Amino acid sequence: MSCGKPHETDCREVLAEVYLYLDVECGEERRVLIREHLEECGPCLREYGIEQEVKALVARCCGNETAPEQLRERLRVRLSELVVFETTESRELTD
């Protein structure tokens, strides 16, 4: 259940992957799943629209420059290696 209506995919999961979807950096299966969710979920579609506008604004300000493929691949590898540790301080803030 998400957005008050039952969906196959939770809204939080879709919105967490919006930039991957916009950048075509997720597999076709995920793209289909996200696209189908966006087609039936108004709140997520609005959020997607906002993210799309932000991405377009950044592209205009950066002159539509793109990172070299080697840099993009190095970043993907490094990001996949990251491990997030939760500290006592961060737990206290969320409790």
N, C-alpha and C. Protein backbone atom coordinates (compact mmCIF):
# COMPACT_ATOMS: atom_id res chain seq x y z
N MET A 1 0.86 -1.18 0.00
CA MET A 1 0.00 0.00 0.00
C MET A 1 0.90 1.23 0.00
N SER A 2 0.64 2.14 -0.89
CA SER A 2 1.37 3.39 -0.93
C SER A 2 0.49 4.42 -1.60
N CYS A 3 0.64 5.67 -1.24
CA CYS A 3 -0.19 6.75 -1.79
C CYS A 3 -1.67 6.48 -1.55
N GLY A 4 -1.99 5.69 -0.53
CA GLY A 4 -3.38 5.40 -0.24
C GLY A 4 -4.01 4.35 -1.13
N LYS A 5 -3.29 3.85 -2.10
CA LYS A 5 -3.81 2.83 -3.02
C LYS A 5 -2.80 1.68 -3.08
N PRO A 6 -3.29 0.47 -3.29
CA PRO A 6 -2.35 -0.64 -3.39
C PRO A 6 -1.56 -0.58 -4.70
N HIS A 7 -0.26 -0.78 -4.60
CA HIS A 7 0.62 -0.83 -5.76
C HIS A 7 1.51 -2.04 -5.62
N GLU A 8 1.98 -2.54 -6.73
CA GLU A 8 2.95 -3.63 -6.67
C GLU A 8 4.26 -3.16 -6.05
N THR A 9 4.64 -1.94 -6.33
CA THR A 9 5.90 -1.38 -5.86
C THR A 9 5.60 -0.23 -4.92
N ASP A 10 6.27 -0.21 -3.78
CA ASP A 10 6.09 0.84 -2.80
C ASP A 10 6.59 2.18 -3.34
N CYS A 11 5.87 3.25 -3.02
CA CYS A 11 6.23 4.59 -3.50
C CYS A 11 7.65 4.98 -3.07
N ARG A 12 8.02 4.65 -1.83
CA ARG A 12 9.38 5.01 -1.36
C ARG A 12 10.44 4.36 -2.22
N GLU A 13 10.19 3.14 -2.63
CA GLU A 13 11.14 2.42 -3.47
C GLU A 13 11.25 3.10 -4.85
N VAL A 14 10.12 3.50 -5.40
CA VAL A 14 10.11 4.16 -6.71
C VAL A 14 10.83 5.50 -6.62
N LEU A 15 10.48 6.31 -5.62
CA LEU A 15 11.08 7.64 -5.51
C LEU A 15 12.58 7.56 -5.21
N ALA A 16 13.02 6.50 -4.53
CA ALA A 16 14.45 6.33 -4.27
C ALA A 16 15.22 6.08 -5.56
N GLU A 17 14.53 5.59 -6.60
CA GLU A 17 15.19 5.25 -7.86
C GLU A 17 14.86 6.20 -9.00
N VAL A 18 14.22 7.32 -8.69
CA VAL A 18 13.80 8.25 -9.74
C VAL A 18 15.00 8.74 -10.56
N TYR A 19 16.10 9.10 -9.91
CA TYR A 19 17.25 9.60 -10.67
C TYR A 19 17.87 8.49 -11.52
N LEU A 20 17.89 7.27 -11.01
CA LEU A 20 18.39 6.17 -11.83
C LEU A 20 17.51 6.00 -13.06
N TYR A 21 16.21 6.14 -12.86
CA TYR A 21 15.26 6.04 -13.98
C TYR A 21 15.47 7.18 -14.97
N LEU A 22 15.61 8.39 -14.46
CA LEU A 22 15.82 9.55 -15.33
C LEU A 22 17.11 9.44 -16.13
N ASP A 23 18.15 8.90 -15.50
CA ASP A 23 19.46 8.79 -16.15
C ASP A 23 19.62 7.48 -16.92
N VAL A 24 18.56 6.68 -16.99
CA VAL A 24 18.59 5.37 -17.65
C VAL A 24 19.75 4.55 -17.11
N GLU A 25 19.89 4.53 -15.79
CA GLU A 25 20.97 3.79 -15.15
C GLU A 25 20.47 2.59 -14.37
N CYS A 26 19.26 2.17 -14.67
CA CYS A 26 18.76 0.94 -14.06
C CYS A 26 18.33 0.01 -15.19
N GLY A 27 18.22 -1.25 -14.87
CA GLY A 27 17.88 -2.24 -15.88
C GLY A 27 16.48 -2.03 -16.44
N GLU A 28 16.23 -2.66 -17.58
CA GLU A 28 14.94 -2.51 -18.26
C GLU A 28 13.80 -3.00 -17.38
N GLU A 29 14.01 -4.06 -16.65
CA GLU A 29 12.96 -4.59 -15.77
C GLU A 29 12.55 -3.55 -14.72
N ARG A 30 13.54 -2.89 -14.11
CA ARG A 30 13.25 -1.84 -13.11
C ARG A 30 12.58 -0.65 -13.78
N ARG A 31 13.04 -0.29 -14.98
CA ARG A 31 12.44 0.85 -15.69
C ARG A 31 10.96 0.59 -15.96
N VAL A 32 10.63 -0.61 -16.38
CA VAL A 32 9.23 -0.96 -16.66
C VAL A 32 8.42 -0.87 -15.37
N LEU A 33 8.95 -1.42 -14.29
CA LEU A 33 8.26 -1.40 -13.01
C LEU A 33 8.01 0.03 -12.53
N ILE A 34 9.04 0.88 -12.63
CA ILE A 34 8.92 2.27 -12.20
C ILE A 34 7.95 3.01 -13.11
N ARG A 35 8.06 2.82 -14.42
CA ARG A 35 7.16 3.49 -15.37
C ARG A 35 5.70 3.11 -15.09
N GLU A 36 5.44 1.84 -14.86
CA GLU A 36 4.08 1.40 -14.57
C GLU A 36 3.55 2.03 -13.28
N HIS A 37 4.41 2.11 -12.28
CA HIS A 37 4.01 2.73 -11.02
C HIS A 37 3.69 4.21 -11.23
N LEU A 38 4.55 4.90 -11.96
CA LEU A 38 4.33 6.33 -12.20
C LEU A 38 3.04 6.58 -12.96
N GLU A 39 2.70 5.68 -13.86
CA GLU A 39 1.47 5.84 -14.65
C GLU A 39 0.22 5.74 -13.79
N GLU A 40 0.29 5.02 -12.68
CA GLU A 40 -0.90 4.83 -11.85
C GLU A 40 -0.88 5.59 -10.54
N CYS A 41 0.20 6.27 -10.22
CA CYS A 41 0.34 6.93 -8.92
C CYS A 41 0.58 8.43 -9.10
N GLY A 42 -0.47 9.22 -8.92
CA GLY A 42 -0.38 10.67 -9.10
C GLY A 42 0.68 11.34 -8.24
N PRO A 43 0.73 11.07 -6.91
CA PRO A 43 1.75 11.72 -6.07
C PRO A 43 3.17 11.42 -6.52
N CYS A 44 3.45 10.18 -6.90
CA CYS A 44 4.80 9.84 -7.37
C CYS A 44 5.08 10.50 -8.72
N LEU A 45 4.07 10.57 -9.57
CA LEU A 45 4.25 11.21 -10.87
C LEU A 45 4.59 12.69 -10.69
N ARG A 46 3.93 13.34 -9.73
CA ARG A 46 4.25 14.75 -9.46
C ARG A 46 5.67 14.89 -8.95
N GLU A 47 6.08 14.01 -8.03
CA GLU A 47 7.45 14.04 -7.50
C GLU A 47 8.45 13.78 -8.62
N TYR A 48 8.15 12.85 -9.49
CA TYR A 48 9.00 12.55 -10.65
C TYR A 48 9.14 13.80 -11.51
N GLY A 49 8.02 14.52 -11.72
CA GLY A 49 8.05 15.74 -12.52
C GLY A 49 8.95 16.79 -11.91
N ILE A 50 8.91 16.91 -10.58
CA ILE A 50 9.78 17.87 -9.89
C ILE A 50 11.24 17.48 -10.08
N GLU A 51 11.53 16.19 -9.90
CA GLU A 51 12.91 15.72 -10.07
C GLU A 51 13.39 15.93 -11.50
N GLN A 52 12.50 15.72 -12.45
CA GLN A 52 12.83 15.90 -13.86
C GLN A 52 13.16 17.37 -14.13
N GLU A 53 12.40 18.29 -13.54
CA GLU A 53 12.66 19.72 -13.71
C GLU A 53 13.99 20.11 -13.08
N VAL A 54 14.28 19.58 -11.89
CA VAL A 54 15.56 19.88 -11.23
C VAL A 54 16.71 19.39 -12.10
N LYS A 55 16.58 18.19 -12.62
CA LYS A 55 17.63 17.64 -13.49
C LYS A 55 17.82 18.51 -14.73
N ALA A 56 16.73 18.97 -15.33
CA ALA A 56 16.82 19.83 -16.51
C ALA A 56 17.48 21.17 -16.16
N LEU A 57 17.15 21.72 -14.99
CA LEU A 57 17.75 22.98 -14.55
C LEU A 57 19.25 22.82 -14.37
N VAL A 58 19.66 21.75 -13.71
CA VAL A 58 21.09 21.49 -13.52
C VAL A 58 21.79 21.34 -14.87
N ALA A 59 21.15 20.62 -15.79
CA ALA A 59 21.74 20.43 -17.12
C ALA A 59 21.91 21.76 -17.84
N ARG A 60 20.90 22.63 -17.74
CA ARG A 60 21.01 23.95 -18.39
C ARG A 60 22.14 24.76 -17.77
N CYS A 61 22.27 24.71 -16.45
CA CYS A 61 23.31 25.49 -15.77
C CYS A 61 24.71 24.93 -16.05
N CYS A 62 24.79 23.64 -16.30
CA CYS A 62 26.09 23.01 -16.55
C CYS A 62 26.38 22.90 -18.04
N GLY A 63 25.52 23.45 -18.87
CA GLY A 63 25.76 23.40 -20.30
C GLY A 63 25.62 22.01 -20.88
N ASN A 64 24.80 21.19 -20.25
CA ASN A 64 24.58 19.81 -20.71
C ASN A 64 25.86 19.00 -20.82
N GLU A 65 26.85 19.35 -19.98
CA GLU A 65 28.09 18.57 -19.98
C GLU A 65 27.81 17.20 -19.38
N THR A 66 28.44 16.19 -19.92
CA THR A 66 28.30 14.86 -19.35
C THR A 66 29.67 14.37 -18.92
N ALA A 67 29.66 13.53 -17.91
CA ALA A 67 30.91 12.96 -17.41
C ALA A 67 31.43 11.93 -18.41
N PRO A 68 32.74 11.85 -18.55
CA PRO A 68 33.30 10.80 -19.42
C PRO A 68 32.88 9.43 -18.91
N GLU A 69 32.70 8.48 -19.79
CA GLU A 69 32.21 7.15 -19.41
C GLU A 69 33.14 6.49 -18.39
N GLN A 70 34.45 6.69 -18.51
CA GLN A 70 35.37 6.09 -17.54
C GLN A 70 35.11 6.62 -16.14
N LEU A 71 34.85 7.92 -16.01
CA LEU A 71 34.55 8.51 -14.71
C LEU A 71 33.24 7.96 -14.17
N ARG A 72 32.23 7.88 -15.02
CA ARG A 72 30.93 7.35 -14.59
C ARG A 72 31.09 5.92 -14.07
N GLU A 73 31.88 5.11 -14.77
CA GLU A 73 32.07 3.72 -14.35
C GLU A 73 32.84 3.64 -13.04
N ARG A 74 33.88 4.47 -12.89
CA ARG A 74 34.63 4.49 -11.62
C ARG A 74 33.72 4.87 -10.47
N LEU A 75 32.85 5.86 -10.69
CA LEU A 75 31.92 6.28 -9.64
C LEU A 75 30.95 5.16 -9.30
N ARG A 76 30.42 4.49 -10.29
CA ARG A 76 29.50 3.37 -10.04
C ARG A 76 30.17 2.31 -9.17
N VAL A 77 31.41 1.98 -9.51
CA VAL A 77 32.15 0.96 -8.75
C VAL A 77 32.35 1.43 -7.32
N ARG A 78 32.81 2.66 -7.15
CA ARG A 78 33.07 3.19 -5.80
C ARG A 78 31.79 3.26 -4.98
N LEU A 79 30.70 3.71 -5.59
CA LEU A 79 29.44 3.80 -4.87
C LEU A 79 28.93 2.41 -4.47
N SER A 80 29.15 1.43 -5.31
CA SER A 80 28.71 0.07 -4.98
C SER A 80 29.54 -0.51 -3.83
N GLU A 81 30.73 0.02 -3.60
CA GLU A 81 31.60 -0.47 -2.52
C GLU A 81 31.33 0.21 -1.19
N LEU A 82 30.57 1.30 -1.20
CA LEU A 82 30.33 2.04 0.03
C LEU A 82 29.54 1.22 1.03
N VAL A 83 29.93 1.37 2.27
CA VAL A 83 29.21 0.73 3.37
C VAL A 83 28.79 1.84 4.32
N VAL A 84 27.53 1.83 4.70
CA VAL A 84 27.02 2.86 5.59
C VAL A 84 27.02 2.31 7.01
N PHE A 85 27.61 3.06 7.92
CA PHE A 85 27.64 2.68 9.33
C PHE A 85 26.75 3.64 10.10
N GLU A 86 25.96 3.08 10.98
CA GLU A 86 25.10 3.91 11.82
C GLU A 86 25.81 4.12 13.14
N THR A 87 25.92 5.38 13.55
CA THR A 87 26.57 5.68 14.82
C THR A 87 25.51 5.84 15.90
N THR A 88 25.96 5.82 17.13
CA THR A 88 25.05 6.02 18.26
C THR A 88 24.38 7.38 18.17
N GLU A 89 25.13 8.38 17.74
CA GLU A 89 24.58 9.73 17.64
C GLU A 89 23.43 9.80 16.64
N SER A 90 23.59 9.14 15.47
CA SER A 90 22.53 9.18 14.46
C SER A 90 21.30 8.43 14.93
N ARG A 91 21.48 7.35 15.70
CA ARG A 91 20.34 6.61 16.24
C ARG A 91 19.58 7.46 17.24
N GLU A 92 20.31 8.21 18.05
CA GLU A 92 19.66 9.06 19.05
C GLU A 92 18.82 10.14 18.37
N LEU A 93 19.28 10.63 17.25
CA LEU A 93 18.53 11.67 16.53
C LEU A 93 17.25 11.12 15.94
N THR A 94 17.24 9.87 15.53
CA THR A 94 16.06 9.31 14.90
C THR A 94 15.09 8.71 15.91
N ASP A 95 15.54 8.42 17.11
CA ASP A 95 14.65 7.83 18.14
C ASP A 95 13.78 8.86 18.81
